[in-house]
Amino acid sequence: MKAVTEAERSMTSHVARLYAIVTGVVGFFLAWAGVAARPWAPTAAQNPQVAALAARQRQVQLDSLRVRHIVDARWANYRRQLAARRAATAQTVAAAAPSVRVVNLPPLIVTRTS
């Protein structure tokens, strides 16, 4: 019989193959994550266009907060004026409403049966 070396025995072992495959797959995904992270790409502080864009975004957000404050104040004023208008209209309608009179009139047609 031929003597089997340690290297040949490890390649025929199913457990060793499984560990080698798992190690290869994990290594592949770690390398993939490292490349996807792009550590060589410039950061936002290094790019002046990105910095200008970030400053513009902050300015637009501040403007939107100011506009929202103005719109809320105008809506509050509108609601107050609307409530006052409705109250005035209700008073006018109540004052102009005629009083109700009940009148009993005789029937227009008198019918008699024989």
PDB file of N, CA and C in Angstrom:
ATOM      1  N   MET A   1       0.805  -1.174   0.000  1.00  0.00           N
ATOM      2  CA  MET A   1       0.000   0.000   0.000  1.00  0.00           C
ATOM      3  C   MET A   1       0.851   1.239   0.000  1.00  0.00           C
ATOM      4  N   LYS A   2       0.255   2.245  -0.598  1.00  0.00           N
ATOM      5  CA  LYS A   2       0.971   3.509  -0.706  1.00  0.00           C
ATOM      6  C   LYS A   2       0.724   4.329   0.548  1.00  0.00           C
ATOM      7  N   ALA A   3       1.757   4.982   0.991  1.00  0.00           N
ATOM      8  CA  ALA A   3       1.634   5.837   2.168  1.00  0.00           C
ATOM      9  C   ALA A   3       0.973   7.158   1.764  1.00  0.00           C
ATOM     10  N   VAL A   4      -0.027   7.595   2.523  1.00  0.00           N
ATOM     11  CA  VAL A   4      -0.759   8.843   2.240  1.00  0.00           C
ATOM     12  C   VAL A   4      -0.146   9.947   3.086  1.00  0.00           C
ATOM     13  N   THR A   5       0.223  11.013   2.414  1.00  0.00           N
ATOM     14  CA  THR A   5       0.828  12.134   3.139  1.00  0.00           C
ATOM     15  C   THR A   5      -0.263  12.957   3.818  1.00  0.00           C
ATOM     16  N   GLU A   6       0.186  13.837   4.687  1.00  0.00           N
ATOM     17  CA  GLU A   6      -0.738  14.693   5.442  1.00  0.00           C
ATOM     18  C   GLU A   6      -1.500  15.640   4.517  1.00  0.00           C
ATOM     19  N   ALA A   7      -0.858  16.180   3.495  1.00  0.00           N
ATOM     20  CA  ALA A   7      -1.511  17.094   2.554  1.00  0.00           C
ATOM     21  C   ALA A   7      -2.588  16.377   1.765  1.00  0.00           C
ATOM     22  N   GLU A   8      -2.322  15.151   1.336  1.00  0.00           N
ATOM     23  CA  GLU A   8      -3.326  14.407   0.593  1.00  0.00           C
ATOM     24  C   GLU A   8      -4.505  14.048   1.474  1.00  0.00           C
ATOM     25  N   ARG A   9      -4.233  13.747   2.745  1.00  0.00           N
ATOM     26  CA  ARG A   9      -5.290  13.380   3.664  1.00  0.00           C
ATOM     27  C   ARG A   9      -6.186  14.585   3.957  1.00  0.00           C
ATOM     28  N   SER A  10      -5.608  15.777   4.065  1.00  0.00           N
ATOM     29  CA  SER A  10      -6.415  16.953   4.383  1.00  0.00           C
ATOM     30  C   SER A  10      -7.293  17.352   3.200  1.00  0.00           C
ATOM     31  N   MET A  11      -6.852  17.078   1.976  1.00  0.00           N
ATOM     32  CA  MET A  11      -7.663  17.430   0.821  1.00  0.00           C
ATOM     33  C   MET A  11      -8.798  16.434   0.600  1.00  0.00           C
ATOM     34  N   THR A  12      -8.663  15.248   1.135  1.00  0.00           N
ATOM     35  CA  THR A  12      -9.740  14.284   0.984  1.00  0.00           C
ATOM     36  C   THR A  12     -10.723  14.372   2.143  1.00  0.00           C
ATOM     37  N   SER A  13     -10.375  15.111   3.164  1.00  0.00           N
ATOM     38  CA  SER A  13     -11.262  15.253   4.315  1.00  0.00           C
ATOM     39  C   SER A  13     -12.379  16.249   3.968  1.00  0.00           C
ATOM     40  N   HIS A  14     -13.590  15.864   4.183  1.00  0.00           N
ATOM     41  CA  HIS A  14     -14.726  16.730   3.872  1.00  0.00           C
ATOM     42  C   HIS A  14     -14.795  17.943   4.801  1.00  0.00           C
ATOM     43  N   VAL A  15     -14.419  17.767   6.022  1.00  0.00           N
ATOM     44  CA  VAL A  15     -14.431  18.880   6.982  1.00  0.00           C
ATOM     45  C   VAL A  15     -13.401  19.923   6.577  1.00  0.00           C
ATOM     46  N   ALA A  16     -12.229  19.494   6.161  1.00  0.00           N
ATOM     47  CA  ALA A  16     -11.202  20.434   5.734  1.00  0.00           C
ATOM     48  C   ALA A  16     -11.647  21.191   4.491  1.00  0.00           C
ATOM     49  N   ARG A  17     -12.306  20.523   3.557  1.00  0.00           N
ATOM     50  CA  ARG A  17     -12.819  21.214   2.367  1.00  0.00           C
ATOM     51  C   ARG A  17     -13.878  22.247   2.753  1.00  0.00           C
ATOM     52  N   LEU A  18     -14.735  21.867   3.670  1.00  0.00           N
ATOM     53  CA  LEU A  18     -15.772  22.795   4.119  1.00  0.00           C
ATOM     54  C   LEU A  18     -15.152  24.037   4.750  1.00  0.00           C
ATOM     55  N   TYR A  19     -14.155  23.856   5.609  1.00  0.00           N
ATOM     56  CA  TYR A  19     -13.479  25.007   6.228  1.00  0.00           C
ATOM     57  C   TYR A  19     -12.792  25.869   5.170  1.00  0.00           C
ATOM     58  N   ALA A  20     -12.187  25.254   4.190  1.00  0.00           N
ATOM     59  CA  ALA A  20     -11.514  26.014   3.138  1.00  0.00           C
ATOM     60  C   ALA A  20     -12.522  26.824   2.321  1.00  0.00           C
ATOM     61  N   ILE A  21     -13.660  26.241   2.014  1.00  0.00           N
ATOM     62  CA  ILE A  21     -14.691  26.961   1.253  1.00  0.00           C
ATOM     63  C   ILE A  21     -15.254  28.113   2.069  1.00  0.00           C
ATOM     64  N   VAL A  22     -15.563  27.855   3.332  1.00  0.00           N
ATOM     65  CA  VAL A  22     -16.114  28.910   4.193  1.00  0.00           C
ATOM     66  C   VAL A  22     -15.113  30.043   4.354  1.00  0.00           C
ATOM     67  N   THR A  23     -13.841  29.708   4.554  1.00  0.00           N
ATOM     68  CA  THR A  23     -12.806  30.736   4.692  1.00  0.00           C
ATOM     69  C   THR A  23     -12.679  31.546   3.410  1.00  0.00           C
ATOM     70  N   GLY A  24     -12.749  30.900   2.273  1.00  0.00           N
ATOM     71  CA  GLY A  24     -12.674  31.604   0.989  1.00  0.00           C
ATOM     72  C   GLY A  24     -13.854  32.543   0.780  1.00  0.00           C
ATOM     73  N   VAL A  25     -15.055  32.080   1.119  1.00  0.00           N
ATOM     74  CA  VAL A  25     -16.244  32.920   0.945  1.00  0.00           C
ATOM     75  C   VAL A  25     -16.204  34.114   1.891  1.00  0.00           C
ATOM     76  N   VAL A  26     -15.828  33.875   3.156  1.00  0.00           N
ATOM     77  CA  VAL A  26     -15.729  34.986   4.115  1.00  0.00           C
ATOM     78  C   VAL A  26     -14.660  35.976   3.675  1.00  0.00           C
ATOM     79  N   GLY A  27     -13.541  35.489   3.218  1.00  0.00           N
ATOM     80  CA  GLY A  27     -12.493  36.377   2.718  1.00  0.00           C
ATOM     81  C   GLY A  27     -12.959  37.189   1.514  1.00  0.00           C
ATOM     82  N   PHE A  28     -13.714  36.542   0.616  1.00  0.00           N
ATOM     83  CA  PHE A  28     -14.248  37.251  -0.553  1.00  0.00           C
ATOM     84  C   PHE A  28     -15.165  38.392  -0.129  1.00  0.00           C
ATOM     85  N   PHE A  29     -16.069  38.137   0.811  1.00  0.00           N
ATOM     86  CA  PHE A  29     -16.987  39.189   1.231  1.00  0.00           C
ATOM     87  C   PHE A  29     -16.280  40.293   2.013  1.00  0.00           C
ATOM     88  N   LEU A  30     -15.264  39.949   2.787  1.00  0.00           N
ATOM     89  CA  LEU A  30     -14.486  40.990   3.479  1.00  0.00           C
ATOM     90  C   LEU A  30     -13.759  41.873   2.475  1.00  0.00           C
ATOM     91  N   ALA A  31     -13.186  41.264   1.442  1.00  0.00           N
ATOM     92  CA  ALA A  31     -12.523  42.061   0.408  1.00  0.00           C
ATOM     93  C   ALA A  31     -13.541  42.918  -0.337  1.00  0.00           C
ATOM     94  N   TRP A  32     -14.710  42.369  -0.599  1.00  0.00           N
ATOM     95  CA  TRP A  32     -15.756  43.121  -1.276  1.00  0.00           C
ATOM     96  C   TRP A  32     -16.182  44.335  -0.440  1.00  0.00           C
ATOM     97  N   ALA A  33     -16.350  44.135   0.876  1.00  0.00           N
ATOM     98  CA  ALA A  33     -16.726  45.242   1.759  1.00  0.00           C
ATOM     99  C   ALA A  33     -15.639  46.305   1.797  1.00  0.00           C
ATOM    100  N   GLY A  34     -14.397  45.877   1.777  1.00  0.00           N
ATOM    101  CA  GLY A  34     -13.289  46.851   1.779  1.00  0.00           C
ATOM    102  C   GLY A  34     -13.252  47.681   0.512  1.00  0.00           C
ATOM    103  N   VAL A  35     -13.513  47.056  -0.620  1.00  0.00           N
ATOM    104  CA  VAL A  35     -13.524  47.794  -1.885  1.00  0.00           C
ATOM    105  C   VAL A  35     -14.756  48.695  -1.964  1.00  0.00           C
ATOM    106  N   ALA A  36     -15.893  48.229  -1.458  1.00  0.00           N
ATOM    107  CA  ALA A  36     -17.117  49.029  -1.501  1.00  0.00           C
ATOM    108  C   ALA A  36     -17.020  50.252  -0.605  1.00  0.00           C
ATOM    109  N   ALA A  37     -16.214  50.192   0.449  1.00  0.00           N
ATOM    110  CA  ALA A  37     -16.066  51.331   1.349  1.00  0.00           C
ATOM    111  C   ALA A  37     -15.312  52.480   0.695  1.00  0.00           C
ATOM    112  N   ARG A  38     -14.539  52.199  -0.332  1.00  0.00           N
ATOM    113  CA  ARG A  38     -13.766  53.188  -1.093  1.00  0.00           C
ATOM    114  C   ARG A  38     -12.951  54.119  -0.169  1.00  0.00           C
ATOM    115  N   PRO A  39     -12.007  53.587   0.571  1.00  0.00           N
ATOM    116  CA  PRO A  39     -11.232  54.441   1.488  1.00  0.00           C
ATOM    117  C   PRO A  39     -10.332  55.420   0.736  1.00  0.00           C
ATOM    118  N   TRP A  40     -10.120  55.228  -0.558  1.00  0.00           N
ATOM    119  CA  TRP A  40      -9.268  56.127  -1.330  1.00  0.00           C
ATOM    120  C   TRP A  40     -10.039  57.323  -1.891  1.00  0.00           C
ATOM    121  N   ALA A  41     -11.382  57.312  -1.797  1.00  0.00           N
ATOM    122  CA  ALA A  41     -12.198  58.389  -2.368  1.00  0.00           C
ATOM    123  C   ALA A  41     -12.054  59.654  -1.526  1.00  0.00           C
ATOM    124  N   PRO A  42     -12.113  60.839  -2.138  1.00  0.00           N
ATOM    125  CA  PRO A  42     -11.992  62.085  -1.373  1.00  0.00           C
ATOM    126  C   PRO A  42     -13.209  62.280  -0.481  1.00  0.00           C
ATOM    127  N   THR A  43     -12.995  62.885   0.654  1.00  0.00           N
ATOM    128  CA  THR A  43     -14.092  63.130   1.587  1.00  0.00           C
ATOM    129  C   THR A  43     -14.804  64.417   1.204  1.00  0.00           C
ATOM    130  N   ALA A  44     -15.899  64.688   1.874  1.00  0.00           N
ATOM    131  CA  ALA A  44     -16.700  65.868   1.547  1.00  0.00           C
ATOM    132  C   ALA A  44     -15.935  67.151   1.859  1.00  0.00           C
ATOM    133  N   ALA A  45     -15.084  67.142   2.862  1.00  0.00           N
ATOM    134  CA  ALA A  45     -14.341  68.346   3.217  1.00  0.00           C
ATOM    135  C   ALA A  45     -13.294  68.673   2.151  1.00  0.00           C
ATOM    136  N   GLN A  46     -12.822  67.695   1.415  1.00  0.00           N
ATOM    137  CA  GLN A  46     -11.802  67.937   0.404  1.00  0.00           C
ATOM    138  C   GLN A  46     -12.412  68.476  -0.887  1.00  0.00           C
ATOM    139  N   ASN A  47     -13.677  68.212  -1.159  1.00  0.00           N
ATOM    140  CA  ASN A  47     -14.295  68.625  -2.399  1.00  0.00           C
ATOM    141  C   ASN A  47     -15.039  69.948  -2.180  1.00  0.00           C
ATOM    142  N   PRO A  48     -14.651  71.053  -2.834  1.00  0.00           N
ATOM    143  CA  PRO A  48     -15.307  72.338  -2.595  1.00  0.00           C
ATOM    144  C   PRO A  48     -16.751  72.373  -3.112  1.00  0.00           C
ATOM    145  N   GLN A  49     -17.067  71.614  -4.135  1.00  0.00           N
ATOM    146  CA  GLN A  49     -18.439  71.599  -4.637  1.00  0.00           C
ATOM    147  C   GLN A  49     -19.394  70.966  -3.632  1.00  0.00           C
ATOM    148  N   VAL A  50     -18.941  69.914  -2.980  1.00  0.00           N
ATOM    149  CA  VAL A  50     -19.779  69.256  -1.982  1.00  0.00           C
ATOM    150  C   VAL A  50     -19.956  70.171  -0.768  1.00  0.00           C
ATOM    151  N   ALA A  51     -18.894  70.879  -0.383  1.00  0.00           N
ATOM    152  CA  ALA A  51     -18.999  71.808   0.740  1.00  0.00           C
ATOM    153  C   ALA A  51     -19.974  72.938   0.407  1.00  0.00           C
ATOM    154  N   ALA A  52     -19.913  73.457  -0.814  1.00  0.00           N
ATOM    155  CA  ALA A  52     -20.842  74.512  -1.225  1.00  0.00           C
ATOM    156  C   ALA A  52     -22.271  73.991  -1.240  1.00  0.00           C
ATOM    157  N   LEU A  53     -22.442  72.759  -1.678  1.00  0.00           N
ATOM    158  CA  LEU A  53     -23.772  72.155  -1.694  1.00  0.00           C
ATOM    159  C   LEU A  53     -24.314  71.984  -0.271  1.00  0.00           C
ATOM    160  N   ALA A  54     -23.478  71.585   0.647  1.00  0.00           N
ATOM    161  CA  ALA A  54     -23.904  71.423   2.044  1.00  0.00           C
ATOM    162  C   ALA A  54     -24.292  72.780   2.637  1.00  0.00           C
ATOM    163  N   ALA A  55     -23.519  73.826   2.327  1.00  0.00           N
ATOM    164  CA  ALA A  55     -23.852  75.165   2.822  1.00  0.00           C
ATOM    165  C   ALA A  55     -25.185  75.630   2.239  1.00  0.00           C
ATOM    166  N   ARG A  56     -25.407  75.361   0.965  1.00  0.00           N
ATOM    167  CA  ARG A  56     -26.673  75.748   0.325  1.00  0.00           C
ATOM    168  C   ARG A  56     -27.843  74.989   0.943  1.00  0.00           C
ATOM    169  N   GLN A  57     -27.631  73.725   1.268  1.00  0.00           N
ATOM    170  CA  GLN A  57     -28.686  72.948   1.898  1.00  0.00           C
ATOM    171  C   GLN A  57     -29.048  73.534   3.264  1.00  0.00           C
ATOM    172  N   ARG A  58     -28.057  73.917   4.056  1.00  0.00           N
ATOM    173  CA  ARG A  58     -28.328  74.538   5.354  1.00  0.00           C
ATOM    174  C   ARG A  58     -29.113  75.835   5.166  1.00  0.00           C
ATOM    175  N   GLN A  59     -28.739  76.639   4.168  1.00  0.00           N
ATOM    176  CA  GLN A  59     -29.426  77.901   3.914  1.00  0.00           C
ATOM    177  C   GLN A  59     -30.886  77.660   3.500  1.00  0.00           C
ATOM    178  N   VAL A  60     -31.108  76.676   2.667  1.00  0.00           N
ATOM    179  CA  VAL A  60     -32.476  76.370   2.231  1.00  0.00           C
ATOM    180  C   VAL A  60     -33.308  75.868   3.405  1.00  0.00           C
ATOM    181  N   GLN A  61     -32.721  75.080   4.282  1.00  0.00           N
ATOM    182  CA  GLN A  61     -33.452  74.603   5.448  1.00  0.00           C
ATOM    183  C   GLN A  61     -33.840  75.757   6.363  1.00  0.00           C
ATOM    184  N   LEU A  62     -32.915  76.709   6.564  1.00  0.00           N
ATOM    185  CA  LEU A  62     -33.242  77.879   7.382  1.00  0.00           C
ATOM    186  C   LEU A  62     -34.346  78.706   6.730  1.00  0.00           C
ATOM    187  N   ASP A  63     -34.261  78.889   5.423  1.00  0.00           N
ATOM    188  CA  ASP A  63     -35.302  79.631   4.711  1.00  0.00           C
ATOM    189  C   ASP A  63     -36.651  78.934   4.823  1.00  0.00           C
ATOM    190  N   SER A  64     -36.645  77.619   4.735  1.00  0.00           N
ATOM    191  CA  SER A  64     -37.913  76.891   4.826  1.00  0.00           C
ATOM    192  C   SER A  64     -38.514  77.030   6.228  1.00  0.00           C
ATOM    193  N   LEU A  65     -37.673  77.071   7.258  1.00  0.00           N
ATOM    194  CA  LEU A  65     -38.189  77.283   8.614  1.00  0.00           C
ATOM    195  C   LEU A  65     -38.790  78.677   8.752  1.00  0.00           C
ATOM    196  N   ARG A  66     -38.134  79.677   8.174  1.00  0.00           N
ATOM    197  CA  ARG A  66     -38.675  81.044   8.220  1.00  0.00           C
ATOM    198  C   ARG A  66     -40.006  81.126   7.486  1.00  0.00           C
ATOM    199  N   VAL A  67     -40.073  80.511   6.320  1.00  0.00           N
ATOM    200  CA  VAL A  67     -41.314  80.540   5.539  1.00  0.00           C
ATOM    201  C   VAL A  67     -42.422  79.820   6.289  1.00  0.00           C
ATOM    202  N   ARG A  68     -42.111  78.698   6.899  1.00  0.00           N
ATOM    203  CA  ARG A  68     -43.117  77.967   7.661  1.00  0.00           C
ATOM    204  C   ARG A  68     -43.645  78.807   8.812  1.00  0.00           C
ATOM    205  N   HIS A  69     -42.751  79.547   9.482  1.00  0.00           N
ATOM    206  CA  HIS A  69     -43.169  80.416  10.585  1.00  0.00           C
ATOM    207  C   HIS A  69     -44.111  81.508  10.063  1.00  0.00           C
ATOM    208  N   ILE A  70     -43.780  82.119   8.928  1.00  0.00           N
ATOM    209  CA  ILE A  70     -44.622  83.169   8.351  1.00  0.00           C
ATOM    210  C   ILE A  70     -45.982  82.606   7.946  1.00  0.00           C
ATOM    211  N   VAL A  71     -45.985  81.439   7.312  1.00  0.00           N
ATOM    212  CA  VAL A  71     -47.247  80.830   6.881  1.00  0.00           C
ATOM    213  C   VAL A  71     -48.109  80.469   8.083  1.00  0.00           C
ATOM    214  N   ASP A  72     -47.510  79.941   9.147  1.00  0.00           N
ATOM    215  CA  ASP A  72     -48.280  79.615  10.351  1.00  0.00           C
ATOM    216  C   ASP A  72     -48.894  80.865  10.963  1.00  0.00           C
ATOM    217  N   ALA A  73     -48.134  81.967  10.990  1.00  0.00           N
ATOM    218  CA  ALA A  73     -48.663  83.222  11.533  1.00  0.00           C
ATOM    219  C   ALA A  73     -49.815  83.729  10.674  1.00  0.00           C
ATOM    220  N   ARG A  74     -49.680  83.641   9.373  1.00  0.00           N
ATOM    221  CA  ARG A  74     -50.759  84.094   8.493  1.00  0.00           C
ATOM    222  C   ARG A  74     -52.004  83.230   8.639  1.00  0.00           C
ATOM    223  N   TRP A  75     -51.817  81.921   8.781  1.00  0.00           N
ATOM    224  CA  TRP A  75     -52.975  81.047   8.973  1.00  0.00           C
ATOM    225  C   TRP A  75     -53.674  81.355  10.301  1.00  0.00           C
ATOM    226  N   ALA A  76     -52.902  81.622  11.338  1.00  0.00           N
ATOM    227  CA  ALA A  76     -53.509  81.970  12.630  1.00  0.00           C
ATOM    228  C   ALA A  76     -54.309  83.262  12.502  1.00  0.00           C
ATOM    229  N   ASN A  77     -53.762  84.255  11.808  1.00  0.00           N
ATOM    230  CA  ASN A  77     -54.474  85.511  11.592  1.00  0.00           C
ATOM    231  C   ASN A  77     -55.744  85.270  10.781  1.00  0.00           C
ATOM    232  N   TYR A  78     -55.651  84.449   9.753  1.00  0.00           N
ATOM    233  CA  TYR A  78     -56.823  84.134   8.925  1.00  0.00           C
ATOM    234  C   TYR A  78     -57.904  83.449   9.764  1.00  0.00           C
ATOM    235  N   ARG A  79     -57.519  82.513  10.612  1.00  0.00           N
ATOM    236  CA  ARG A  79     -58.509  81.821  11.444  1.00  0.00           C
ATOM    237  C   ARG A  79     -59.202  82.775  12.407  1.00  0.00           C
ATOM    238  N   ARG A  80     -58.433  83.724  12.991  1.00  0.00           N
ATOM    239  CA  ARG A  80     -59.039  84.718  13.877  1.00  0.00           C
ATOM    240  C   ARG A  80     -60.034  85.588  13.119  1.00  0.00           C
ATOM    241  N   GLN A  81     -59.646  86.051  11.933  1.00  0.00           N
ATOM    242  CA  GLN A  81     -60.544  86.890  11.139  1.00  0.00           C
ATOM    243  C   GLN A  81     -61.776  86.111  10.690  1.00  0.00           C
ATOM    244  N   LEU A  82     -61.590  84.848  10.332  1.00  0.00           N
ATOM    245  CA  LEU A  82     -62.720  84.023   9.917  1.00  0.00           C
ATOM    246  C   LEU A  82     -63.697  83.816  11.070  1.00  0.00           C
ATOM    247  N   ALA A  83     -63.188  83.565  12.265  1.00  0.00           N
ATOM    248  CA  ALA A  83     -64.064  83.390  13.429  1.00  0.00           C
ATOM    249  C   ALA A  83     -64.826  84.683  13.719  1.00  0.00           C
ATOM    250  N   ALA A  84     -64.149  85.827  13.602  1.00  0.00           N
ATOM    251  CA  ALA A  84     -64.826  87.105  13.829  1.00  0.00           C
ATOM    252  C   ALA A  84     -65.895  87.340  12.765  1.00  0.00           C
ATOM    253  N   ARG A  85     -65.607  87.027  11.504  1.00  0.00           N
ATOM    254  CA  ARG A  85     -66.562  87.188  10.422  1.00  0.00           C
ATOM    255  C   ARG A  85     -67.778  86.283  10.621  1.00  0.00           C
ATOM    256  N   ARG A  86     -67.542  85.065  11.044  1.00  0.00           N
ATOM    257  CA  ARG A  86     -68.652  84.136  11.272  1.00  0.00           C
ATOM    258  C   ARG A  86     -69.521  84.598  12.439  1.00  0.00           C
ATOM    259  N   ALA A  87     -68.856  85.110  13.478  1.00  0.00           N
ATOM    260  CA  ALA A  87     -69.621  85.613  14.620  1.00  0.00           C
ATOM    261  C   ALA A  87     -70.464  86.816  14.211  1.00  0.00           C
ATOM    262  N   ALA A  88     -69.893  87.720  13.421  1.00  0.00           N
ATOM    263  CA  ALA A  88     -70.648  88.890  12.962  1.00  0.00           C
ATOM    264  C   ALA A  88     -71.803  88.460  12.066  1.00  0.00           C
ATOM    265  N   THR A  89     -71.578  87.492  11.203  1.00  0.00           N
ATOM    266  CA  THR A  89     -72.639  87.001  10.326  1.00  0.00           C
ATOM    267  C   THR A  89     -73.741  86.339  11.140  1.00  0.00           C
ATOM    268  N   ALA A  90     -73.384  85.592  12.155  1.00  0.00           N
ATOM    269  CA  ALA A  90     -74.377  84.933  13.004  1.00  0.00           C
ATOM    270  C   ALA A  90     -75.214  85.975  13.741  1.00  0.00           C
ATOM    271  N   GLN A  91     -74.604  87.046  14.208  1.00  0.00           N
ATOM    272  CA  GLN A  91     -75.356  88.104  14.888  1.00  0.00           C
ATOM    273  C   GLN A  91     -76.295  88.805  13.916  1.00  0.00           C
ATOM    274  N   THR A  92     -75.819  89.063  12.697  1.00  0.00           N
ATOM    275  CA  THR A  92     -76.653  89.731  11.701  1.00  0.00           C
ATOM    276  C   THR A  92     -77.840  88.862  11.321  1.00  0.00           C
ATOM    277  N   VAL A  93     -77.620  87.592  11.136  1.00  0.00           N
ATOM    278  CA  VAL A  93     -78.703  86.678  10.777  1.00  0.00           C
ATOM    279  C   VAL A  93     -79.692  86.570  11.921  1.00  0.00           C
ATOM    280  N   ALA A  94     -79.202  86.524  13.153  1.00  0.00           N
ATOM    281  CA  ALA A  94     -80.099  86.425  14.304  1.00  0.00           C
ATOM    282  C   ALA A  94     -80.920  87.697  14.461  1.00  0.00           C
ATOM    283  N   ALA A  95     -80.320  88.849  14.203  1.00  0.00           N
ATOM    284  CA  ALA A  95     -81.049  90.107  14.340  1.00  0.00           C
ATOM    285  C   ALA A  95     -82.039  90.300  13.198  1.00  0.00           C
ATOM    286  N   ALA A  96     -81.730  89.841  12.021  1.00  0.00           N
ATOM    287  CA  ALA A  96     -82.589  90.055  10.864  1.00  0.00           C
ATOM    288  C   ALA A  96     -83.669  88.996  10.716  1.00  0.00           C
ATOM    289  N   ALA A  97     -83.619  87.976  11.489  1.00  0.00           N
ATOM    290  CA  ALA A  97     -84.603  86.905  11.366  1.00  0.00           C
ATOM    291  C   ALA A  97     -85.966  87.395  11.838  1.00  0.00           C
ATOM    292  N   PRO A  98     -87.025  87.214  11.033  1.00  0.00           N
ATOM    293  CA  PRO A  98     -88.357  87.676  11.457  1.00  0.00           C
ATOM    294  C   PRO A  98     -88.908  86.770  12.549  1.00  0.00           C
ATOM    295  N   SER A  99     -89.805  87.372  13.340  1.00  0.00           N
ATOM    296  CA  SER A  99     -90.427  86.562  14.381  1.00  0.00           C
ATOM    297  C   SER A  99     -91.483  85.667  13.733  1.00  0.00           C
ATOM    298  N   VAL A 100     -91.751  84.575  14.290  1.00  0.00           N
ATOM    299  CA  VAL A 100     -92.665  83.599  13.724  1.00  0.00           C
ATOM    300  C   VAL A 100     -94.067  83.859  14.271  1.00  0.00           C
ATOM    301  N   ARG A 101     -95.061  83.896  13.342  1.00  0.00           N
ATOM    302  CA  ARG A 101     -96.460  84.054  13.725  1.00  0.00           C
ATOM    303  C   ARG A 101     -97.232  82.849  13.259  1.00  0.00           C
ATOM    304  N   VAL A 102     -98.106  82.352  14.097  1.00  0.00           N
ATOM    305  CA  VAL A 102     -98.950  81.226  13.726  1.00  0.00           C
ATOM    306  C   VAL A 102    -100.339  81.774  13.425  1.00  0.00           C
ATOM    307  N   VAL A 103    -100.839  81.490  12.243  1.00  0.00           N
ATOM    308  CA  VAL A 103    -102.149  82.008  11.827  1.00  0.00           C
ATOM    309  C   VAL A 103    -103.045  80.827  11.470  1.00  0.00           C
ATOM    310  N   ASN A 104    -104.264  80.854  11.979  1.00  0.00           N
ATOM    311  CA  ASN A 104    -105.250  79.819  11.652  1.00  0.00           C
ATOM    312  C   ASN A 104    -106.228  80.426  10.656  1.00  0.00           C
ATOM    313  N   LEU A 105    -106.263  79.923   9.448  1.00  0.00           N
ATOM    314  CA  LEU A 105    -107.158  80.412   8.417  1.00  0.00           C
ATOM    315  C   LEU A 105    -108.234  79.372   8.156  1.00  0.00           C
ATOM    316  N   PRO A 106    -109.417  79.844   7.735  1.00  0.00           N
ATOM    317  CA  PRO A 106    -110.467  78.873   7.408  1.00  0.00           C
ATOM    318  C   PRO A 106    -110.108  78.163   6.113  1.00  0.00           C
ATOM    319  N   PRO A 107    -110.643  76.990   5.902  1.00  0.00           N
ATOM    320  CA  PRO A 107    -110.342  76.260   4.670  1.00  0.00           C
ATOM    321  C   PRO A 107    -110.883  77.011   3.464  1.00  0.00           C
ATOM    322  N   LEU A 108    -110.201  76.855   2.330  1.00  0.00           N
ATOM    323  CA  LEU A 108    -110.598  77.557   1.123  1.00  0.00           C
ATOM    324  C   LEU A 108    -111.783  76.903   0.461  1.00  0.00           C
ATOM    325  N   ILE A 109    -111.927  75.638   0.554  1.00  0.00           N
ATOM    326  CA  ILE A 109    -113.019  74.906  -0.081  1.00  0.00           C
ATOM    327  C   ILE A 109    -113.778  74.157   0.995  1.00  0.00           C
ATOM    328  N   VAL A 110    -115.088  74.376   0.962  1.00  0.00           N
ATOM    329  CA  VAL A 110    -115.944  73.663   1.920  1.00  0.00           C
ATOM    330  C   VAL A 110    -116.675  72.601   1.136  1.00  0.00           C
ATOM    331  N   THR A 111    -116.526  71.393   1.547  1.00  0.00           N
ATOM    332  CA  THR A 111    -117.232  70.301   0.885  1.00  0.00           C
ATOM    333  C   THR A 111    -118.167  69.662   1.855  1.00  0.00           C
ATOM    334  N   ARG A 112    -119.375  69.364   1.321  1.00  0.00           N
ATOM    335  CA  ARG A 112    -120.335  68.660   2.175  1.00  0.00           C
ATOM    336  C   ARG A 112    -120.826  67.438   1.429  1.00  0.00           C
ATOM    337  N   THR A 113    -121.022  66.435   2.139  1.00  0.00           N
ATOM    338  CA  THR A 113    -121.537  65.211   1.531  1.00  0.00           C
ATOM    339  C   THR A 113    -122.988  65.069   1.934  1.00  0.00           C
ATOM    340  N   SER A 114    -123.829  64.529   1.109  1.00  0.00           N
ATOM    341  CA  SER A 114    -125.234  64.385   1.436  1.00  0.00           C
ATOM    342  C   SER A 114    -125.560  63.019   1.937  1.00  0.00           C
TER     343      SER A 114
END
